[in-house]
Amino acid sequence: YGKATLDRSNLLFVAVTLDPFDAHDAVLHFPLADMGVAEGETYEMEDLLTGRRHLWRGAVQRLRLDPAVNPAAIFRVTVWASVDYRTPCL
């Protein structure tokens, strides 16, 4: 499930397992164009339940949900600003 503000400044995606016993792998398909992310561009997914941040690229991602460990994931999406380490700091 996904939800966004009208200006797309805040994007959330939620994944939940309904099986209370077994872990499940899922293939997630993100609507990159609707998210304002160009094909091939890196975007950051922040898991709001764990605080972990991931850099992802591409619309298709895999996620494992385990009811004993992580029965749900709530992700906030931001476009990742790359850092050019070749430019000297002033």
N, C-alpha and C. Protein backbone atom coordinates (compact mmCIF):
# COMPACT_ATOMS: atom_id res chain seq x y z
N TYR A 1 0.84 -1.16 0.00
CA TYR A 1 0.00 0.00 0.00
C TYR A 1 0.89 1.23 0.00
N GLY A 2 0.54 2.24 -0.75
CA GLY A 2 1.31 3.47 -0.79
C GLY A 2 0.42 4.68 -0.58
N LYS A 3 1.00 5.71 -0.02
CA LYS A 3 0.28 6.96 0.23
C LYS A 3 1.26 8.11 0.05
N ALA A 4 0.78 9.22 -0.51
CA ALA A 4 1.66 10.37 -0.75
C ALA A 4 0.88 11.66 -0.55
N THR A 5 1.61 12.71 -0.18
CA THR A 5 1.02 14.03 -0.16
C THR A 5 0.81 14.48 -1.60
N LEU A 6 -0.02 15.46 -1.82
CA LEU A 6 -0.32 15.91 -3.18
C LEU A 6 0.91 16.39 -3.93
N ASP A 7 1.84 17.03 -3.23
CA ASP A 7 3.05 17.53 -3.89
C ASP A 7 4.17 16.49 -3.94
N ARG A 8 3.90 15.27 -3.49
CA ARG A 8 4.86 14.15 -3.49
C ARG A 8 6.08 14.41 -2.61
N SER A 9 5.97 15.33 -1.66
CA SER A 9 7.10 15.60 -0.77
C SER A 9 7.21 14.56 0.34
N ASN A 10 6.15 13.79 0.56
CA ASN A 10 6.16 12.75 1.59
C ASN A 10 5.52 11.50 1.00
N LEU A 11 6.33 10.47 0.77
CA LEU A 11 5.87 9.21 0.19
C LEU A 11 6.06 8.08 1.19
N LEU A 12 5.00 7.33 1.45
CA LEU A 12 5.07 6.19 2.36
C LEU A 12 4.57 4.94 1.65
N PHE A 13 5.25 3.83 1.92
CA PHE A 13 4.81 2.53 1.43
C PHE A 13 4.79 1.56 2.61
N VAL A 14 3.74 0.75 2.67
CA VAL A 14 3.56 -0.19 3.78
C VAL A 14 3.42 -1.60 3.23
N ALA A 15 4.13 -2.54 3.85
CA ALA A 15 4.00 -3.96 3.52
C ALA A 15 3.76 -4.71 4.82
N VAL A 16 2.80 -5.63 4.81
CA VAL A 16 2.42 -6.38 6.02
C VAL A 16 2.18 -7.83 5.65
N THR A 17 2.66 -8.73 6.51
CA THR A 17 2.31 -10.14 6.34
C THR A 17 1.09 -10.44 7.20
N LEU A 18 0.16 -11.17 6.64
CA LEU A 18 -1.04 -11.56 7.38
C LEU A 18 -0.93 -12.97 7.93
N ASP A 19 0.18 -13.63 7.66
CA ASP A 19 0.42 -14.98 8.17
C ASP A 19 1.17 -14.88 9.50
N PRO A 20 0.54 -15.25 10.62
CA PRO A 20 1.20 -15.11 11.92
C PRO A 20 2.22 -16.21 12.23
N PHE A 21 2.42 -17.17 11.32
CA PHE A 21 3.27 -18.32 11.61
C PHE A 21 4.54 -18.40 10.77
N ASP A 22 4.47 -18.10 9.49
CA ASP A 22 5.59 -18.34 8.58
C ASP A 22 6.09 -17.04 7.95
N ALA A 23 7.38 -17.02 7.68
CA ALA A 23 7.99 -15.89 6.98
C ALA A 23 7.66 -16.00 5.49
N HIS A 24 7.58 -14.85 4.84
CA HIS A 24 7.27 -14.82 3.41
C HIS A 24 8.16 -13.80 2.72
N ASP A 25 8.57 -14.15 1.50
CA ASP A 25 9.30 -13.22 0.64
C ASP A 25 8.29 -12.59 -0.31
N ALA A 26 8.50 -11.31 -0.57
CA ALA A 26 7.61 -10.60 -1.49
C ALA A 26 8.45 -9.85 -2.52
N VAL A 27 7.89 -9.71 -3.68
CA VAL A 27 8.49 -8.89 -4.72
C VAL A 27 7.64 -7.63 -4.80
N LEU A 28 8.25 -6.49 -4.52
CA LEU A 28 7.54 -5.22 -4.52
C LEU A 28 7.82 -4.48 -5.82
N HIS A 29 6.80 -3.86 -6.37
CA HIS A 29 6.92 -3.07 -7.59
C HIS A 29 6.56 -1.64 -7.25
N PHE A 30 7.56 -0.76 -7.31
CA PHE A 30 7.36 0.64 -6.96
C PHE A 30 7.06 1.46 -8.21
N PRO A 31 6.07 2.36 -8.15
CA PRO A 31 5.73 3.20 -9.30
C PRO A 31 6.70 4.39 -9.39
N LEU A 32 7.87 4.17 -9.96
CA LEU A 32 8.92 5.18 -9.96
C LEU A 32 8.46 6.50 -10.56
N ALA A 33 7.75 6.46 -11.66
CA ALA A 33 7.30 7.71 -12.30
C ALA A 33 6.38 8.49 -11.36
N ASP A 34 5.48 7.80 -10.69
CA ASP A 34 4.58 8.46 -9.74
C ASP A 34 5.33 8.99 -8.52
N MET A 35 6.47 8.37 -8.21
CA MET A 35 7.28 8.79 -7.07
C MET A 35 8.20 9.95 -7.41
N GLY A 36 8.30 10.28 -8.68
CA GLY A 36 9.21 11.33 -9.10
C GLY A 36 10.65 10.87 -9.17
N VAL A 37 10.84 9.57 -9.33
CA VAL A 37 12.18 8.98 -9.41
C VAL A 37 12.40 8.52 -10.85
N ALA A 38 13.47 9.00 -11.46
CA ALA A 38 13.78 8.60 -12.83
C ALA A 38 14.29 7.17 -12.86
N GLU A 39 14.04 6.48 -13.96
CA GLU A 39 14.53 5.11 -14.13
C GLU A 39 16.05 5.11 -14.00
N GLY A 40 16.59 4.25 -13.19
CA GLY A 40 18.03 4.18 -12.98
C GLY A 40 18.55 5.10 -11.89
N GLU A 41 17.68 5.96 -11.36
CA GLU A 41 18.09 6.86 -10.28
C GLU A 41 18.02 6.14 -8.94
N THR A 42 18.94 6.48 -8.05
CA THR A 42 18.96 5.88 -6.73
C THR A 42 17.99 6.63 -5.82
N TYR A 43 17.27 5.88 -4.99
CA TYR A 43 16.38 6.51 -4.01
C TYR A 43 16.60 5.83 -2.66
N GLU A 44 16.32 6.58 -1.61
CA GLU A 44 16.53 6.08 -0.25
C GLU A 44 15.21 5.63 0.34
N MET A 45 15.22 4.44 0.93
CA MET A 45 14.06 3.92 1.63
C MET A 45 14.42 3.85 3.11
N GLU A 46 13.70 4.59 3.91
CA GLU A 46 13.91 4.57 5.36
C GLU A 46 12.81 3.73 5.99
N ASP A 47 13.20 2.67 6.68
CA ASP A 47 12.24 1.83 7.39
C ASP A 47 11.90 2.54 8.69
N LEU A 48 10.69 3.03 8.80
CA LEU A 48 10.30 3.84 9.96
C LEU A 48 10.14 3.00 11.23
N LEU A 49 10.05 1.69 11.10
CA LEU A 49 9.92 0.83 12.29
C LEU A 49 11.29 0.48 12.88
N THR A 50 12.31 0.38 12.04
CA THR A 50 13.64 0.00 12.54
C THR A 50 14.65 1.14 12.49
N GLY A 51 14.37 2.16 11.69
CA GLY A 51 15.30 3.26 11.52
C GLY A 51 16.38 2.98 10.49
N ARG A 52 16.39 1.80 9.91
CA ARG A 52 17.39 1.47 8.89
C ARG A 52 17.09 2.20 7.59
N ARG A 53 18.17 2.55 6.88
CA ARG A 53 18.05 3.22 5.59
C ARG A 53 18.72 2.37 4.53
N HIS A 54 18.08 2.31 3.37
CA HIS A 54 18.58 1.51 2.27
C HIS A 54 18.60 2.36 1.01
N LEU A 55 19.63 2.20 0.19
CA LEU A 55 19.67 2.83 -1.12
C LEU A 55 19.24 1.80 -2.14
N TRP A 56 18.18 2.10 -2.86
CA TRP A 56 17.64 1.18 -3.85
C TRP A 56 17.67 1.82 -5.22
N ARG A 57 17.71 1.00 -6.24
CA ARG A 57 17.64 1.45 -7.62
C ARG A 57 16.76 0.47 -8.37
N GLY A 58 15.84 0.98 -9.16
CA GLY A 58 14.94 0.13 -9.93
C GLY A 58 13.60 -0.03 -9.23
N ALA A 59 12.60 -0.39 -10.03
CA ALA A 59 11.23 -0.48 -9.53
C ALA A 59 10.95 -1.77 -8.76
N VAL A 60 11.70 -2.83 -9.03
CA VAL A 60 11.42 -4.13 -8.42
C VAL A 60 12.40 -4.39 -7.28
N GLN A 61 11.86 -4.66 -6.11
CA GLN A 61 12.67 -4.95 -4.92
C GLN A 61 12.10 -6.16 -4.20
N ARG A 62 12.97 -6.86 -3.48
CA ARG A 62 12.53 -8.03 -2.70
C ARG A 62 12.51 -7.67 -1.22
N LEU A 63 11.56 -8.22 -0.51
CA LEU A 63 11.41 -7.96 0.92
C LEU A 63 10.98 -9.25 1.60
N ARG A 64 11.60 -9.54 2.74
CA ARG A 64 11.21 -10.72 3.54
C ARG A 64 10.55 -10.22 4.81
N LEU A 65 9.34 -10.70 5.05
CA LEU A 65 8.61 -10.38 6.27
C LEU A 65 8.44 -11.64 7.10
N ASP A 66 8.86 -11.55 8.35
CA ASP A 66 8.81 -12.67 9.28
C ASP A 66 7.99 -12.22 10.48
N PRO A 67 6.90 -12.90 10.80
CA PRO A 67 6.05 -12.45 11.90
C PRO A 67 6.75 -12.42 13.26
N ALA A 68 7.82 -13.20 13.42
CA ALA A 68 8.56 -13.20 14.68
C ALA A 68 9.56 -12.06 14.77
N VAL A 69 9.94 -11.49 13.62
CA VAL A 69 10.99 -10.47 13.59
C VAL A 69 10.45 -9.14 13.07
N ASN A 70 9.88 -9.16 11.89
CA ASN A 70 9.38 -7.94 11.26
C ASN A 70 8.09 -8.26 10.47
N PRO A 71 6.95 -8.28 11.14
CA PRO A 71 5.70 -8.60 10.45
C PRO A 71 5.24 -7.50 9.50
N ALA A 72 5.87 -6.32 9.59
CA ALA A 72 5.49 -5.21 8.72
C ALA A 72 6.70 -4.33 8.45
N ALA A 73 6.60 -3.56 7.39
CA ALA A 73 7.61 -2.56 7.07
C ALA A 73 6.88 -1.31 6.60
N ILE A 74 7.31 -0.18 7.11
CA ILE A 74 6.78 1.11 6.68
C ILE A 74 7.97 1.91 6.16
N PHE A 75 7.94 2.22 4.88
CA PHE A 75 9.06 2.91 4.24
C PHE A 75 8.69 4.34 3.88
N ARG A 76 9.62 5.26 4.18
CA ARG A 76 9.52 6.63 3.66
C ARG A 76 10.54 6.75 2.55
N VAL A 77 10.11 7.30 1.42
CA VAL A 77 10.96 7.39 0.23
C VAL A 77 11.48 8.81 0.07
N THR A 78 12.77 8.92 -0.20
CA THR A 78 13.36 10.20 -0.59
C THR A 78 14.35 9.94 -1.73
N VAL A 79 14.46 10.92 -2.61
CA VAL A 79 15.44 10.80 -3.68
C VAL A 79 16.80 11.04 -3.05
N TRP A 80 17.73 10.16 -3.33
CA TRP A 80 19.05 10.23 -2.73
C TRP A 80 19.90 11.23 -3.48
N ALA A 81 20.49 12.15 -2.74
CA ALA A 81 21.41 13.13 -3.33
C ALA A 81 22.82 12.55 -3.26
N SER A 82 23.38 12.25 -4.42
CA SER A 82 24.71 11.65 -4.43
C SER A 82 25.76 12.67 -3.98
N VAL A 83 26.84 12.13 -3.49
CA VAL A 83 27.95 12.96 -3.02
C VAL A 83 29.13 12.76 -3.96
N ASP A 84 29.70 13.85 -4.44
CA ASP A 84 30.86 13.76 -5.31
C ASP A 84 32.10 14.04 -4.47
N TYR A 85 32.83 12.99 -4.15
CA TYR A 85 34.00 13.13 -3.29
C TYR A 85 35.22 13.69 -4.02
N ARG A 86 35.08 13.89 -5.32
CA ARG A 86 36.19 14.46 -6.07
C ARG A 86 36.25 15.98 -5.91
N THR A 87 35.15 16.59 -5.48
CA THR A 87 35.11 18.02 -5.28
C THR A 87 35.69 18.33 -3.90
N PRO A 88 36.70 19.22 -3.83
CA PRO A 88 37.30 19.51 -2.51
C PRO A 88 36.35 20.27 -1.60
N CYS A 89 36.46 19.98 -0.33
CA CYS A 89 35.66 20.69 0.68
C CYS A 89 36.31 22.04 0.97
N LEU A 90 35.50 23.04 1.18
CA LEU A 90 36.03 24.37 1.50
C LEU A 90 35.78 24.71 2.93
